[in-house]
């Protein structure tokens, strides 16, 4: 199932590309100080790895999954 893994990784990459810059921008706006680039890079890697790990988890909205 290479296509399934590719889809999960792509979904995790899109999530990371949206979530990390928005969080960093919010932090900069609230504090008025720049974030170190190394911190943003480490957080980007951590969020991506976590998103890839959780992308395969089964999800249900209060009911049983089919």
C-alpha atoms as a PDB file:
ATOM      1  CA  UNK A   1       0.000   0.000   0.000  1.00  0.00           C
ATOM      2  CA  UNK A   2       2.562   2.554  -1.079  1.00  0.00           C
ATOM      3  CA  UNK A   3      -0.143   4.913  -2.320  1.00  0.00           C
ATOM      4  CA  UNK A   4      -1.777   4.915   1.099  1.00  0.00           C
ATOM      5  CA  UNK A   5       1.510   5.855   2.795  1.00  0.00           C
ATOM      6  CA  UNK A   6       2.152   8.535   0.213  1.00  0.00           C
ATOM      7  CA  UNK A   7      -1.290  10.011   0.771  1.00  0.00           C
ATOM      8  CA  UNK A   8      -0.787  10.040   4.535  1.00  0.00           C
ATOM      9  CA  UNK A   9       2.613  11.706   4.207  1.00  0.00           C
ATOM     10  CA  UNK A  10       1.220  14.291   1.794  1.00  0.00           C
ATOM     11  CA  UNK A  11      -1.679  15.034   4.140  1.00  0.00           C
ATOM     12  CA  UNK A  12       0.754  15.393   7.056  1.00  0.00           C
ATOM     13  CA  UNK A  13       2.961  17.717   4.990  1.00  0.00           C
ATOM     14  CA  UNK A  14       0.030  19.962   4.080  1.00  0.00           C
ATOM     15  CA  UNK A  15      -1.098  20.078   7.707  1.00  0.00           C
ATOM     16  CA  UNK A  16       2.442  20.939   8.826  1.00  0.00           C
ATOM     17  CA  UNK A  17       2.816  23.597   6.125  1.00  0.00           C
ATOM     18  CA  UNK A  18      -0.329  25.311   7.386  1.00  0.00           C
ATOM     19  CA  UNK A  19      -0.171  24.757  11.144  1.00  0.00           C
ATOM     20  CA  UNK A  20       3.438  25.665  11.948  1.00  0.00           C
ATOM     21  CA  UNK A  21       3.621  29.023  10.120  1.00  0.00           C
ATOM     22  CA  UNK A  22       0.250  30.072  11.530  1.00  0.00           C
ATOM     23  CA  UNK A  23       1.326  29.167  15.068  1.00  0.00           C
ATOM     24  CA  UNK A  24       4.655  30.949  14.608  1.00  0.00           C
ATOM     25  CA  UNK A  25       2.915  34.023  13.208  1.00  0.00           C
ATOM     26  CA  UNK A  26       0.518  34.064  16.158  1.00  0.00           C
ATOM     27  CA  UNK A  27       3.437  33.877  18.570  1.00  0.00           C
ATOM     28  CA  UNK A  28       5.244  36.731  16.816  1.00  0.00           C
ATOM     29  CA  UNK A  29       2.119  38.895  16.750  1.00  0.00           C
ATOM     30  CA  UNK A  30       1.415  38.322  20.456  1.00  0.00           C
ATOM     31  CA  UNK A  31       4.960  38.778  21.742  1.00  0.00           C
ATOM     32  CA  UNK A  32       6.330  41.190  19.154  1.00  0.00           C
ATOM     33  CA  UNK A  33       9.592  39.216  18.995  1.00  0.00           C
ATOM     34  CA  UNK A  34      10.984  37.005  16.267  1.00  0.00           C
ATOM     35  CA  UNK A  35      11.296  33.271  16.841  1.00  0.00           C
ATOM     36  CA  UNK A  36      14.659  31.604  16.285  1.00  0.00           C
ATOM     37  CA  UNK A  37      14.722  29.801  12.951  1.00  0.00           C
ATOM     38  CA  UNK A  38      16.156  26.669  14.566  1.00  0.00           C
ATOM     39  CA  UNK A  39      13.172  26.509  16.927  1.00  0.00           C
ATOM     40  CA  UNK A  40      10.721  26.817  14.036  1.00  0.00           C
ATOM     41  CA  UNK A  41      12.602  24.131  12.092  1.00  0.00           C
ATOM     42  CA  UNK A  42      12.583  21.734  15.058  1.00  0.00           C
ATOM     43  CA  UNK A  43       8.893  22.335  15.645  1.00  0.00           C
ATOM     44  CA  UNK A  44       8.190  21.764  11.966  1.00  0.00           C
ATOM     45  CA  UNK A  45       9.950  18.404  12.068  1.00  0.00           C
ATOM     46  CA  UNK A  46       8.188  17.405  15.292  1.00  0.00           C
ATOM     47  CA  UNK A  47       4.737  18.347  13.990  1.00  0.00           C
ATOM     48  CA  UNK A  48       5.344  16.514  10.709  1.00  0.00           C
ATOM     49  CA  UNK A  49       6.503  13.342  12.453  1.00  0.00           C
ATOM     50  CA  UNK A  50       3.577  13.446  14.854  1.00  0.00           C
ATOM     51  CA  UNK A  51       1.115  14.066  12.024  1.00  0.00           C
ATOM     52  CA  UNK A  52       2.519  11.139  10.025  1.00  0.00           C
ATOM     53  CA  UNK A  53       2.307   8.879  13.077  1.00  0.00           C
ATOM     54  CA  UNK A  54      -1.289   9.870  13.778  1.00  0.00           C
ATOM     55  CA  UNK A  55      -2.406   9.830  10.138  1.00  0.00           C
ATOM     56  CA  UNK A  56      -2.935   6.073  10.244  1.00  0.00           C
ATOM     57  CA  UNK A  57      -4.981   6.070  13.458  1.00  0.00           C
ATOM     58  CA  UNK A  58      -8.599   5.053  13.223  1.00  0.00           C
ATOM     59  CA  UNK A  59     -11.023   7.903  13.917  1.00  0.00           C
ATOM     60  CA  UNK A  60     -14.670   7.912  14.857  1.00  0.00           C
ATOM     61  CA  UNK A  61     -17.073  10.709  15.779  1.00  0.00           C
ATOM     62  CA  UNK A  62     -18.729   9.208  18.822  1.00  0.00           C
ATOM     63  CA  UNK A  63     -20.036   6.199  16.928  1.00  0.00           C
ATOM     64  CA  UNK A  64     -18.551   2.939  15.823  1.00  0.00           C
ATOM     65  CA  UNK A  65     -16.409   3.043  12.723  1.00  0.00           C
ATOM     66  CA  UNK A  66     -17.658   0.905   9.802  1.00  0.00           C
END
